[in-house]
Amino acid sequence: MSDRLDVLVGKESCPVCGTIAQKGTARCPECGTFHSGVHLEEREAPPPEERQIDRNVDPTDYSINPTSAISPEEFEGDESSVKNWGGGSTDFSFEDEKDSVRIEKRIVPESEEIEND
């Protein structure tokens, strides 16, 4: 009679979610957590002249205040690379679906008081 636990030979469990997967799997098939550095590649940092230049970011550009002004945008290149958006629809209303929605009135019974003996 073989041992029932032999099915677990060559398997390992995810330390995050506990899913049992093939041993040596770099990423958990269930939760997606990486288990090892096998998927990472070793590489040198780019030299300073090839690094991206930091730009000043105004935090108010990301404000949710409706009265804040929109900051002007700058584009690299000439104006021919900027195109106006046209066409399509930005109407996201549900006007057409109102006829298909049925509202049922439910009767909710009043609560009862339970007396202690």
PDB file of N, CA and C in Angstrom:
ATOM      1  N   MET A   1       0.853  -1.171   0.000  1.00  0.00           N
ATOM      2  CA  MET A   1       0.000   0.000   0.000  1.00  0.00           C
ATOM      3  C   MET A   1       0.902   1.238   0.000  1.00  0.00           C
ATOM      4  N   SER A   2       0.660   2.159  -0.935  1.00  0.00           N
ATOM      5  CA  SER A   2       1.492   3.361  -1.004  1.00  0.00           C
ATOM      6  C   SER A   2       0.961   4.422  -0.046  1.00  0.00           C
ATOM      7  N   ASP A   3       1.855   5.286   0.319  1.00  0.00           N
ATOM      8  CA  ASP A   3       1.503   6.366   1.241  1.00  0.00           C
ATOM      9  C   ASP A   3       0.734   7.443   0.484  1.00  0.00           C
ATOM     10  N   ARG A   4      -0.359   7.905   1.026  1.00  0.00           N
ATOM     11  CA  ARG A   4      -1.168   8.930   0.364  1.00  0.00           C
ATOM     12  C   ARG A   4      -0.436  10.268   0.270  1.00  0.00           C
ATOM     13  N   LEU A   5       0.514  10.493   1.111  1.00  0.00           N
ATOM     14  CA  LEU A   5       1.251  11.751   1.101  1.00  0.00           C
ATOM     15  C   LEU A   5       2.326  11.795   0.023  1.00  0.00           C
ATOM     16  N   ASP A   6       2.508  10.700  -0.709  1.00  0.00           N
ATOM     17  CA  ASP A   6       3.482  10.687  -1.803  1.00  0.00           C
ATOM     18  C   ASP A   6       3.114  11.679  -2.908  1.00  0.00           C
ATOM     19  N   VAL A   7       1.860  12.084  -2.977  1.00  0.00           N
ATOM     20  CA  VAL A   7       1.453  13.067  -3.992  1.00  0.00           C
ATOM     21  C   VAL A   7       2.080  14.435  -3.723  1.00  0.00           C
ATOM     22  N   LEU A   8       2.553  14.643  -2.493  1.00  0.00           N
ATOM     23  CA  LEU A   8       3.156  15.927  -2.141  1.00  0.00           C
ATOM     24  C   LEU A   8       4.661  15.968  -2.373  1.00  0.00           C
ATOM     25  N   VAL A   9       5.242  14.888  -2.854  1.00  0.00           N
ATOM     26  CA  VAL A   9       6.672  14.853  -3.136  1.00  0.00           C
ATOM     27  C   VAL A   9       6.929  15.772  -4.330  1.00  0.00           C
ATOM     28  N   GLY A  10       7.888  16.664  -4.184  1.00  0.00           N
ATOM     29  CA  GLY A  10       8.205  17.608  -5.255  1.00  0.00           C
ATOM     30  C   GLY A  10       7.299  18.821  -5.264  1.00  0.00           C
ATOM     31  N   LYS A  11       6.535  19.023  -4.204  1.00  0.00           N
ATOM     32  CA  LYS A  11       5.630  20.175  -4.106  1.00  0.00           C
ATOM     33  C   LYS A  11       6.079  21.052  -2.949  1.00  0.00           C
ATOM     34  N   GLU A  12       5.639  22.304  -2.966  1.00  0.00           N
ATOM     35  CA  GLU A  12       5.885  23.222  -1.858  1.00  0.00           C
ATOM     36  C   GLU A  12       4.658  24.096  -1.681  1.00  0.00           C
ATOM     37  N   SER A  13       4.534  24.686  -0.499  1.00  0.00           N
ATOM     38  CA  SER A  13       3.379  25.540  -0.250  1.00  0.00           C
ATOM     39  C   SER A  13       3.800  27.005  -0.277  1.00  0.00           C
ATOM     40  N   CYS A  14       2.907  27.840  -0.730  1.00  0.00           N
ATOM     41  CA  CYS A  14       3.142  29.284  -0.783  1.00  0.00           C
ATOM     42  C   CYS A  14       3.169  29.822   0.646  1.00  0.00           C
ATOM     43  N   PRO A  15       4.179  30.622   1.004  1.00  0.00           N
ATOM     44  CA  PRO A  15       4.222  31.162   2.356  1.00  0.00           C
ATOM     45  C   PRO A  15       3.149  32.219   2.617  1.00  0.00           C
ATOM     46  N   VAL A  16       2.521  32.723   1.582  1.00  0.00           N
ATOM     47  CA  VAL A  16       1.511  33.767   1.755  1.00  0.00           C
ATOM     48  C   VAL A  16       0.112  33.178   1.861  1.00  0.00           C
ATOM     49  N   CYS A  17      -0.279  32.355   0.854  1.00  0.00           N
ATOM     50  CA  CYS A  17      -1.658  31.865   0.838  1.00  0.00           C
ATOM     51  C   CYS A  17      -1.784  30.371   1.121  1.00  0.00           C
ATOM     52  N   GLY A  18      -0.669  29.629   1.109  1.00  0.00           N
ATOM     53  CA  GLY A  18      -0.702  28.212   1.437  1.00  0.00           C
ATOM     54  C   GLY A  18      -1.023  27.291   0.277  1.00  0.00           C
ATOM     55  N   THR A  19      -1.132  27.818  -0.934  1.00  0.00           N
ATOM     56  CA  THR A  19      -1.410  26.984  -2.102  1.00  0.00           C
ATOM     57  C   THR A  19      -0.254  26.027  -2.352  1.00  0.00           C
ATOM     58  N   ILE A  20      -0.566  24.791  -2.682  1.00  0.00           N
ATOM     59  CA  ILE A  20       0.463  23.806  -2.962  1.00  0.00           C
ATOM     60  C   ILE A  20       0.737  23.826  -4.463  1.00  0.00           C
ATOM     61  N   ALA A  21       2.012  24.033  -4.828  1.00  0.00           N
ATOM     62  CA  ALA A  21       2.411  24.102  -6.242  1.00  0.00           C
ATOM     63  C   ALA A  21       3.692  23.305  -6.424  1.00  0.00           C
ATOM     64  N   GLN A  22       4.093  23.119  -7.675  1.00  0.00           N
ATOM     65  CA  GLN A  22       5.316  22.393  -8.007  1.00  0.00           C
ATOM     66  C   GLN A  22       6.515  23.081  -7.378  1.00  0.00           C
ATOM     67  N   LYS A  23       7.451  22.317  -6.838  1.00  0.00           N
ATOM     68  CA  LYS A  23       8.633  22.883  -6.206  1.00  0.00           C
ATOM     69  C   LYS A  23       9.475  23.618  -7.246  1.00  0.00           C
ATOM     70  N   GLY A  24       9.983  24.797  -6.888  1.00  0.00           N
ATOM     71  CA  GLY A  24      10.800  25.591  -7.789  1.00  0.00           C
ATOM     72  C   GLY A  24      10.004  26.606  -8.583  1.00  0.00           C
ATOM     73  N   THR A  25       8.698  26.659  -8.368  1.00  0.00           N
ATOM     74  CA  THR A  25       7.876  27.649  -9.052  1.00  0.00           C
ATOM     75  C   THR A  25       8.227  29.027  -8.505  1.00  0.00           C
ATOM     76  N   ALA A  26       8.585  29.951  -9.411  1.00  0.00           N
ATOM     77  CA  ALA A  26       9.018  31.278  -8.962  1.00  0.00           C
ATOM     78  C   ALA A  26       7.859  32.130  -8.478  1.00  0.00           C
ATOM     79  N   ARG A  27       6.654  31.880  -9.011  1.00  0.00           N
ATOM     80  CA  ARG A  27       5.502  32.692  -8.652  1.00  0.00           C
ATOM     81  C   ARG A  27       4.319  31.796  -8.309  1.00  0.00           C
ATOM     82  N   CYS A  28       3.613  32.150  -7.245  1.00  0.00           N
ATOM     83  CA  CYS A  28       2.459  31.365  -6.804  1.00  0.00           C
ATOM     84  C   CYS A  28       1.355  31.453  -7.859  1.00  0.00           C
ATOM     85  N   PRO A  29       0.814  30.307  -8.305  1.00  0.00           N
ATOM     86  CA  PRO A  29      -0.248  30.351  -9.308  1.00  0.00           C
ATOM     87  C   PRO A  29      -1.569  30.886  -8.763  1.00  0.00           C
ATOM     88  N   GLU A  30      -1.725  30.918  -7.456  1.00  0.00           N
ATOM     89  CA  GLU A  30      -2.976  31.375  -6.869  1.00  0.00           C
ATOM     90  C   GLU A  30      -2.966  32.868  -6.542  1.00  0.00           C
ATOM     91  N   CYS A  31      -1.984  33.323  -5.741  1.00  0.00           N
ATOM     92  CA  CYS A  31      -1.979  34.729  -5.301  1.00  0.00           C
ATOM     93  C   CYS A  31      -0.990  35.597  -6.070  1.00  0.00           C
ATOM     94  N   GLY A  32      -0.092  34.988  -6.840  1.00  0.00           N
ATOM     95  CA  GLY A  32       0.825  35.757  -7.669  1.00  0.00           C
ATOM     96  C   GLY A  32       2.069  36.265  -6.972  1.00  0.00           C
ATOM     97  N   THR A  33       2.298  35.860  -5.730  1.00  0.00           N
ATOM     98  CA  THR A  33       3.477  36.298  -4.995  1.00  0.00           C
ATOM     99  C   THR A  33       4.725  35.625  -5.547  1.00  0.00           C
ATOM    100  N   PHE A  34       5.786  36.406  -5.720  1.00  0.00           N
ATOM    101  CA  PHE A  34       7.060  35.838  -6.156  1.00  0.00           C
ATOM    102  C   PHE A  34       7.761  35.221  -4.953  1.00  0.00           C
ATOM    103  N   HIS A  35       8.321  34.022  -5.134  1.00  0.00           N
ATOM    104  CA  HIS A  35       8.960  33.311  -4.034  1.00  0.00           C
ATOM    105  C   HIS A  35      10.470  33.409  -4.047  1.00  0.00           C
ATOM    106  N   SER A  36      11.043  33.770  -5.173  1.00  0.00           N
ATOM    107  CA  SER A  36      12.496  33.799  -5.243  1.00  0.00           C
ATOM    108  C   SER A  36      12.943  34.905  -6.174  1.00  0.00           C
ATOM    109  N   GLY A  37      14.229  35.108  -6.236  1.00  0.00           N
ATOM    110  CA  GLY A  37      14.779  36.112  -7.121  1.00  0.00           C
ATOM    111  C   GLY A  37      15.135  35.574  -8.488  1.00  0.00           C
ATOM    112  N   VAL A  38      14.663  34.367  -8.825  1.00  0.00           N
ATOM    113  CA  VAL A  38      14.983  33.744 -10.102  1.00  0.00           C
ATOM    114  C   VAL A  38      14.489  34.607 -11.261  1.00  0.00           C
ATOM    115  N   HIS A  39      13.347  35.267 -11.091  1.00  0.00           N
ATOM    116  CA  HIS A  39      12.755  36.058 -12.162  1.00  0.00           C
ATOM    117  C   HIS A  39      13.454  37.414 -12.341  1.00  0.00           C
ATOM    118  N   LEU A  40      14.302  37.789 -11.391  1.00  0.00           N
ATOM    119  CA  LEU A  40      14.991  39.072 -11.469  1.00  0.00           C
ATOM    120  C   LEU A  40      16.288  38.929 -12.245  1.00  0.00           C
ATOM    121  N   GLU A  41      16.661  39.950 -12.970  1.00  0.00           N
ATOM    122  CA  GLU A  41      17.915  39.900 -13.710  1.00  0.00           C
ATOM    123  C   GLU A  41      18.892  40.898 -13.108  1.00  0.00           C
ATOM    124  N   GLU A  42      20.136  40.523 -13.041  1.00  0.00           N
ATOM    125  CA  GLU A  42      21.169  41.400 -12.533  1.00  0.00           C
ATOM    126  C   GLU A  42      21.590  42.358 -13.634  1.00  0.00           C
ATOM    127  N   ARG A  43      21.627  43.643 -13.331  1.00  0.00           N
ATOM    128  CA  ARG A  43      22.090  44.616 -14.308  1.00  0.00           C
ATOM    129  C   ARG A  43      22.666  45.825 -13.595  1.00  0.00           C
ATOM    130  N   GLU A  44      23.534  46.514 -14.303  1.00  0.00           N
ATOM    131  CA  GLU A  44      24.194  47.689 -13.760  1.00  0.00           C
ATOM    132  C   GLU A  44      23.252  48.892 -13.834  1.00  0.00           C
ATOM    133  N   ALA A  45      23.456  49.838 -12.935  1.00  0.00           N
ATOM    134  CA  ALA A  45      22.703  51.090 -12.994  1.00  0.00           C
ATOM    135  C   ALA A  45      23.182  51.889 -14.196  1.00  0.00           C
ATOM    136  N   PRO A  46      22.292  52.617 -14.869  1.00  0.00           N
ATOM    137  CA  PRO A  46      22.730  53.391 -16.024  1.00  0.00           C
ATOM    138  C   PRO A  46      23.670  54.525 -15.594  1.00  0.00           C
ATOM    139  N   PRO A  47      24.599  54.910 -16.465  1.00  0.00           N
ATOM    140  CA  PRO A  47      25.487  56.018 -16.124  1.00  0.00           C
ATOM    141  C   PRO A  47      24.690  57.311 -15.970  1.00  0.00           C
ATOM    142  N   PRO A  48      25.217  58.291 -15.225  1.00  0.00           N
ATOM    143  CA  PRO A  48      24.459  59.523 -14.953  1.00  0.00           C
ATOM    144  C   PRO A  48      23.965  60.236 -16.205  1.00  0.00           C
ATOM    145  N   GLU A  49      24.719  60.205 -17.297  1.00  0.00           N
ATOM    146  CA  GLU A  49      24.281  60.923 -18.492  1.00  0.00           C
ATOM    147  C   GLU A  49      23.096  60.250 -19.187  1.00  0.00           C
ATOM    148  N   GLU A  50      22.829  58.974 -18.893  1.00  0.00           N
ATOM    149  CA  GLU A  50      21.706  58.274 -19.495  1.00  0.00           C
ATOM    150  C   GLU A  50      20.475  58.237 -18.596  1.00  0.00           C
ATOM    151  N   ARG A  51      20.606  58.735 -17.388  1.00  0.00           N
ATOM    152  CA  ARG A  51      19.474  58.711 -16.460  1.00  0.00           C
ATOM    153  C   ARG A  51      18.446  59.763 -16.847  1.00  0.00           C
ATOM    154  N   GLN A  52      17.217  59.497 -16.501  1.00  0.00           N
ATOM    155  CA  GLN A  52      16.144  60.416 -16.817  1.00  0.00           C
ATOM    156  C   GLN A  52      16.232  61.635 -15.907  1.00  0.00           C
ATOM    157  N   ILE A  53      16.007  62.789 -16.481  1.00  0.00           N
ATOM    158  CA  ILE A  53      16.081  64.031 -15.713  1.00  0.00           C
ATOM    159  C   ILE A  53      14.777  64.200 -14.948  1.00  0.00           C
ATOM    160  N   ASP A  54      14.903  64.488 -13.646  1.00  0.00           N
ATOM    161  CA  ASP A  54      13.707  64.727 -12.834  1.00  0.00           C
ATOM    162  C   ASP A  54      13.061  66.031 -13.277  1.00  0.00           C
ATOM    163  N   ARG A  55      11.745  66.045 -13.287  1.00  0.00           N
ATOM    164  CA  ARG A  55      11.046  67.282 -13.617  1.00  0.00           C
ATOM    165  C   ARG A  55      10.263  67.726 -12.394  1.00  0.00           C
ATOM    166  N   ASN A  56      10.054  69.007 -12.306  1.00  0.00           N
ATOM    167  CA  ASN A  56       9.296  69.537 -11.180  1.00  0.00           C
ATOM    168  C   ASN A  56       7.815  69.229 -11.385  1.00  0.00           C
ATOM    169  N   VAL A  57       7.214  68.635 -10.376  1.00  0.00           N
ATOM    170  CA  VAL A  57       5.806  68.283 -10.445  1.00  0.00           C
ATOM    171  C   VAL A  57       5.061  69.128  -9.433  1.00  0.00           C
ATOM    172  N   ASP A  58       4.036  69.789  -9.911  1.00  0.00           N
ATOM    173  CA  ASP A  58       3.214  70.609  -9.031  1.00  0.00           C
ATOM    174  C   ASP A  58       2.129  69.723  -8.421  1.00  0.00           C
ATOM    175  N   PRO A  59       2.090  69.568  -7.099  1.00  0.00           N
ATOM    176  CA  PRO A  59       1.096  68.680  -6.483  1.00  0.00           C
ATOM    177  C   PRO A  59      -0.341  69.109  -6.742  1.00  0.00           C
ATOM    178  N   THR A  60      -0.562  70.380  -7.046  1.00  0.00           N
ATOM    179  CA  THR A  60      -1.934  70.823  -7.304  1.00  0.00           C
ATOM    180  C   THR A  60      -2.458  70.286  -8.630  1.00  0.00           C
ATOM    181  N   ASP A  61      -1.565  69.759  -9.493  1.00  0.00           N
ATOM    182  CA  ASP A  61      -2.022  69.141 -10.740  1.00  0.00           C
ATOM    183  C   ASP A  61      -2.905  67.935 -10.446  1.00  0.00           C
ATOM    184  N   TYR A  62      -2.731  67.342  -9.283  1.00  0.00           N
ATOM    185  CA  TYR A  62      -3.462  66.138  -8.926  1.00  0.00           C
ATOM    186  C   TYR A  62      -4.500  66.414  -7.846  1.00  0.00           C
ATOM    187  N   SER A  63      -4.887  67.656  -7.709  1.00  0.00           N
ATOM    188  CA  SER A  63      -5.852  68.048  -6.694  1.00  0.00           C
ATOM    189  C   SER A  63      -7.251  67.596  -7.087  1.00  0.00           C
ATOM    190  N   ILE A  64      -8.054  67.249  -6.098  1.00  0.00           N
ATOM    191  CA  ILE A  64      -9.439  66.895  -6.384  1.00  0.00           C
ATOM    192  C   ILE A  64     -10.359  68.085  -6.120  1.00  0.00           C
ATOM    193  N   ASN A  65      -9.774  69.238  -5.891  1.00  0.00           N
ATOM    194  CA  ASN A  65     -10.548  70.443  -5.671  1.00  0.00           C
ATOM    195  C   ASN A  65     -11.153  70.880  -7.008  1.00  0.00           C
ATOM    196  N   PRO A  66     -12.464  70.961  -7.123  1.00  0.00           N
ATOM    197  CA  PRO A  66     -13.076  71.319  -8.411  1.00  0.00           C
ATOM    198  C   PRO A  66     -12.809  72.757  -8.833  1.00  0.00           C
ATOM    199  N   THR A  67     -12.394  73.602  -7.900  1.00  0.00           N
ATOM    200  CA  THR A  67     -12.149  75.001  -8.261  1.00  0.00           C
ATOM    201  C   THR A  67     -10.692  75.264  -8.617  1.00  0.00           C
ATOM    202  N   SER A  68      -9.842  74.253  -8.520  1.00  0.00           N
ATOM    203  CA  SER A  68      -8.435  74.475  -8.848  1.00  0.00           C
ATOM    204  C   SER A  68      -8.266  74.573 -10.357  1.00  0.00           C
ATOM    205  N   ALA A  69      -7.333  75.414 -10.776  1.00  0.00           N
ATOM    206  CA  ALA A  69      -7.092  75.634 -12.203  1.00  0.00           C
ATOM    207  C   ALA A  69      -6.271  74.484 -12.777  1.00  0.00           C
ATOM    208  N   ILE A  70      -6.470  74.216 -14.052  1.00  0.00           N
ATOM    209  CA  ILE A  70      -5.705  73.188 -14.737  1.00  0.00           C
ATOM    210  C   ILE A  70      -4.408  73.817 -15.216  1.00  0.00           C
ATOM    211  N   SER A  71      -3.289  73.199 -14.876  1.00  0.00           N
ATOM    212  CA  SER A  71      -2.002  73.775 -15.261  1.00  0.00           C
ATOM    213  C   SER A  71      -1.755  73.547 -16.742  1.00  0.00           C
ATOM    214  N   PRO A  72      -1.047  74.464 -17.389  1.00  0.00           N
ATOM    215  CA  PRO A  72      -0.779  74.300 -18.825  1.00  0.00           C
ATOM    216  C   PRO A  72       0.161  73.126 -19.066  1.00  0.00           C
ATOM    217  N   GLU A  73      -0.050  72.421 -20.172  1.00  0.00           N
ATOM    218  CA  GLU A  73       0.775  71.273 -20.515  1.00  0.00           C
ATOM    219  C   GLU A  73       1.820  71.671 -21.536  1.00  0.00           C
ATOM    220  N   GLU A  74       2.955  71.029 -21.435  1.00  0.00           N
ATOM    221  CA  GLU A  74       4.004  71.252 -22.410  1.00  0.00           C
ATOM    222  C   GLU A  74       4.280  69.925 -23.114  1.00  0.00           C
ATOM    223  N   PHE A  75       4.434  69.993 -24.431  1.00  0.00           N
ATOM    224  CA  PHE A  75       4.689  68.805 -25.217  1.00  0.00           C
ATOM    225  C   PHE A  75       6.027  68.930 -25.917  1.00  0.00           C
ATOM    226  N   GLU A  76       6.734  67.820 -25.985  1.00  0.00           N
ATOM    227  CA  GLU A  76       7.984  67.816 -26.729  1.00  0.00           C
ATOM    228  C   GLU A  76       7.643  67.748 -28.211  1.00  0.00           C
ATOM    229  N   GLY A  77       8.362  68.468 -29.020  1.00  0.00           N
ATOM    230  CA  GLY A  77       8.104  68.451 -30.460  1.00  0.00           C
ATOM    231  C   GLY A  77       7.231  69.619 -30.861  1.00  0.00           C
ATOM    232  N   ASP A  78       6.776  69.589 -32.091  1.00  0.00           N
ATOM    233  CA  ASP A  78       5.963  70.690 -32.592  1.00  0.00           C
ATOM    234  C   ASP A  78       4.479  70.413 -32.367  1.00  0.00           C
ATOM    235  N   GLU A  79       3.648  71.368 -32.708  1.00  0.00           N
ATOM    236  CA  GLU A  79       2.207  71.258 -32.483  1.00  0.00           C
ATOM    237  C   GLU A  79       1.548  70.202 -33.382  1.00  0.00           C
ATOM    238  N   SER A  80       2.240  69.764 -34.432  1.00  0.00           N
ATOM    239  CA  SER A  80       1.638  68.765 -35.312  1.00  0.00           C
ATOM    240  C   SER A  80       1.489  67.409 -34.624  1.00  0.00           C
ATOM    241  N   SER A  81       2.227  67.190 -33.532  1.00  0.00           N
ATOM    242  CA  SER A  81       2.113  65.917 -32.819  1.00  0.00           C
ATOM    243  C   SER A  81       0.934  65.915 -31.849  1.00  0.00           C
ATOM    244  N   VAL A  82       0.318  67.087 -31.631  1.00  0.00           N
ATOM    245  CA  VAL A  82      -0.827  67.185 -30.733  1.00  0.00           C
ATOM    246  C   VAL A  82      -2.086  67.192 -31.581  1.00  0.00           C
ATOM    247  N   LYS A  83      -2.987  66.245 -31.305  1.00  0.00           N
ATOM    248  CA  LYS A  83      -4.224  66.146 -32.079  1.00  0.00           C
ATOM    249  C   LYS A  83      -5.402  66.355 -31.153  1.00  0.00           C
ATOM    250  N   ASN A  84      -6.406  67.029 -31.657  1.00  0.00           N
ATOM    251  CA  ASN A  84      -7.628  67.207 -30.890  1.00  0.00           C
ATOM    252  C   ASN A  84      -8.440  65.928 -30.948  1.00  0.00           C
ATOM    253  N   TRP A  85      -9.052  65.603 -29.832  1.00  0.00           N
ATOM    254  CA  TRP A  85      -9.856  64.403 -29.786  1.00  0.00           C
ATOM    255  C   TRP A  85     -11.228  64.733 -30.348  1.00  0.00           C
ATOM    256  N   GLY A  86     -11.710  63.904 -31.238  1.00  0.00           N
ATOM    257  CA  GLY A  86     -13.028  64.117 -31.809  1.00  0.00           C
ATOM    258  C   GLY A  86     -13.720  62.788 -31.989  1.00  0.00           C
ATOM    259  N   GLY A  87     -14.999  62.838 -31.946  1.00  0.00           N
ATOM    260  CA  GLY A  87     -15.770  61.615 -32.120  1.00  0.00           C
ATOM    261  C   GLY A  87     -16.028  60.920 -30.811  1.00  0.00           C
ATOM    262  N   GLY A  88     -16.790  59.887 -30.873  1.00  0.00           N
ATOM    263  CA  GLY A  88     -17.096  59.132 -29.657  1.00  0.00           C
ATOM    264  C   GLY A  88     -18.157  59.827 -28.840  1.00  0.00           C
ATOM    265  N   SER A  89     -18.447  59.274 -27.716  1.00  0.00           N
ATOM    266  CA  SER A  89     -19.466  59.831 -26.842  1.00  0.00           C
ATOM    267  C   SER A  89     -18.969  59.792 -25.411  1.00  0.00           C
ATOM    268  N   THR A  90     -19.251  60.840 -24.692  1.00  0.00           N
ATOM    269  CA  THR A  90     -18.908  60.853 -23.272  1.00  0.00           C
ATOM    270  C   THR A  90     -20.168  60.820 -22.416  1.00  0.00           C
ATOM    271  N   ASP A  91     -21.276  60.440 -23.018  1.00  0.00           N
ATOM    272  CA  ASP A  91     -22.531  60.350 -22.291  1.00  0.00           C
ATOM    273  C   ASP A  91     -22.600  58.981 -21.629  1.00  0.00           C
ATOM    274  N   PHE A  92     -22.433  58.955 -20.318  1.00  0.00           N
ATOM    275  CA  PHE A  92     -22.433  57.700 -19.581  1.00  0.00           C
ATOM    276  C   PHE A  92     -23.735  57.508 -18.798  1.00  0.00           C
ATOM    277  N   SER A  93     -24.781  58.155 -19.225  1.00  0.00           N
ATOM    278  CA  SER A  93     -26.045  58.059 -18.494  1.00  0.00           C
ATOM    279  C   SER A  93     -26.716  56.717 -18.777  1.00  0.00           C
ATOM    280  N   PHE A  94     -27.661  56.386 -17.941  1.00  0.00           N
ATOM    281  CA  PHE A  94     -28.382  55.126 -18.059  1.00  0.00           C
ATOM    282  C   PHE A  94     -29.825  55.385 -18.481  1.00  0.00           C
ATOM    283  N   GLU A  95     -30.042  56.390 -19.293  1.00  0.00           N
ATOM    284  CA  GLU A  95     -31.384  56.773 -19.710  1.00  0.00           C
ATOM    285  C   GLU A  95     -32.124  55.606 -20.359  1.00  0.00           C
ATOM    286  N   ASP A  96     -31.463  54.847 -21.220  1.00  0.00           N
ATOM    287  CA  ASP A  96     -32.112  53.770 -21.957  1.00  0.00           C
ATOM    288  C   ASP A  96     -32.530  52.616 -21.057  1.00  0.00           C
ATOM    289  N   GLU A  97     -31.843  52.463 -19.944  1.00  0.00           N
ATOM    290  CA  GLU A  97     -32.087  51.306 -19.095  1.00  0.00           C
ATOM    291  C   GLU A  97     -33.175  51.541 -18.054  1.00  0.00           C
ATOM    292  N   LYS A  98     -33.691  52.765 -17.948  1.00  0.00           N
ATOM    293  CA  LYS A  98     -34.693  53.042 -16.919  1.00  0.00           C
ATOM    294  C   LYS A  98     -35.977  52.239 -17.142  1.00  0.00           C
ATOM    295  N   ASP A  99     -36.326  52.002 -18.413  1.00  0.00           N
ATOM    296  CA  ASP A  99     -37.546  51.263 -18.697  1.00  0.00           C
ATOM    297  C   ASP A  99     -37.444  49.805 -18.290  1.00  0.00           C
ATOM    298  N   SER A 100     -36.244  49.256 -18.306  1.00  0.00           N
ATOM    299  CA  SER A 100     -36.086  47.836 -18.021  1.00  0.00           C
ATOM    300  C   SER A 100     -35.939  47.530 -16.530  1.00  0.00           C
ATOM    301  N   VAL A 101     -35.832  48.561 -15.693  1.00  0.00           N
ATOM    302  CA  VAL A 101     -35.651  48.347 -14.255  1.00  0.00           C
ATOM    303  C   VAL A 101     -37.010  48.320 -13.579  1.00  0.00           C
ATOM    304  N   ARG A 102     -37.279  47.238 -12.851  1.00  0.00           N
ATOM    305  CA  ARG A 102     -38.516  47.138 -12.092  1.00  0.00           C
ATOM    306  C   ARG A 102     -38.200  47.335 -10.620  1.00  0.00           C
ATOM    307  N   ILE A 103     -38.952  48.186  -9.994  1.00  0.00           N
ATOM    308  CA  ILE A 103     -38.764  48.414  -8.558  1.00  0.00           C
ATOM    309  C   ILE A 103     -39.896  47.697  -7.831  1.00  0.00           C
ATOM    310  N   GLU A 104     -39.502  46.758  -6.999  1.00  0.00           N
ATOM    311  CA  GLU A 104     -40.488  46.002  -6.241  1.00  0.00           C
ATOM    312  C   GLU A 104     -40.602  46.591  -4.846  1.00  0.00           C
ATOM    313  N   LYS A 105     -41.809  46.782  -4.408  1.00  0.00           N
ATOM    314  CA  LYS A 105     -42.019  47.282  -3.061  1.00  0.00           C
ATOM    315  C   LYS A 105     -42.063  46.082  -2.127  1.00  0.00           C
ATOM    316  N   ARG A 106     -41.174  46.095  -1.157  1.00  0.00           N
ATOM    317  CA  ARG A 106     -41.115  44.977  -0.217  1.00  0.00           C
ATOM    318  C   ARG A 106     -41.779  45.376   1.098  1.00  0.00           C
ATOM    319  N   ILE A 107     -42.461  44.436   1.652  1.00  0.00           N
ATOM    320  CA  ILE A 107     -43.116  44.668   2.932  1.00  0.00           C
ATOM    321  C   ILE A 107     -42.184  44.169   4.023  1.00  0.00           C
ATOM    322  N   VAL A 108     -41.793  45.069   4.886  1.00  0.00           N
ATOM    323  CA  VAL A 108     -40.890  44.718   5.979  1.00  0.00           C
ATOM    324  C   VAL A 108     -41.715  44.672   7.259  1.00  0.00           C
ATOM    325  N   PRO A 109     -41.744  43.535   7.931  1.00  0.00           N
ATOM    326  CA  PRO A 109     -42.538  43.453   9.168  1.00  0.00           C
ATOM    327  C   PRO A 109     -41.893  44.303  10.271  1.00  0.00           C
ATOM    328  N   GLU A 110     -42.744  44.774  11.143  1.00  0.00           N
ATOM    329  CA  GLU A 110     -42.249  45.580  12.267  1.00  0.00           C
ATOM    330  C   GLU A 110     -41.547  44.661  13.271  1.00  0.00           C
ATOM    331  N   SER A 111     -40.593  45.227  13.956  1.00  0.00           N
ATOM    332  CA  SER A 111     -39.821  44.435  14.911  1.00  0.00           C
ATOM    333  C   SER A 111     -40.673  44.108  16.144  1.00  0.00           C
ATOM    334  N   GLU A 112     -40.341  42.998  16.766  1.00  0.00           N
ATOM    335  CA  GLU A 112     -41.066  42.562  17.957  1.00  0.00           C
ATOM    336  C   GLU A 112     -40.161  42.722  19.167  1.00  0.00           C
ATOM    337  N   GLU A 113     -40.772  43.012  20.293  1.00  0.00           N
ATOM    338  CA  GLU A 113     -39.991  43.067  21.526  1.00  0.00           C
ATOM    339  C   GLU A 113     -40.117  41.747  22.233  1.00  0.00           C
ATOM    340  N   ILE A 114     -38.980  41.238  22.663  1.00  0.00           N
ATOM    341  CA  ILE A 114     -38.977  39.965  23.380  1.00  0.00           C
ATOM    342  C   ILE A 114     -38.849  40.287  24.860  1.00  0.00           C
ATOM    343  N   GLU A 115     -39.776  39.729  25.620  1.00  0.00           N
ATOM    344  CA  GLU A 115     -39.772  39.988  27.058  1.00  0.00           C
ATOM    345  C   GLU A 115     -38.988  38.905  27.767  1.00  0.00           C
ATOM    346  N   ASN A 116     -38.240  39.331  28.765  1.00  0.00           N
ATOM    347  CA  ASN A 116     -37.520  38.376  29.593  1.00  0.00           C
ATOM    348  C   ASN A 116     -38.443  37.833  30.670  1.00  0.00           C
ATOM    349  N   ASP A 117     -38.285  36.569  31.011  1.00  0.00           N
ATOM    350  CA  ASP A 117     -39.122  35.962  32.062  1.00  0.00           C
ATOM    351  C   ASP A 117     -38.613  36.286  33.409  1.00  0.00           C
TER     352      ASP A 117
END
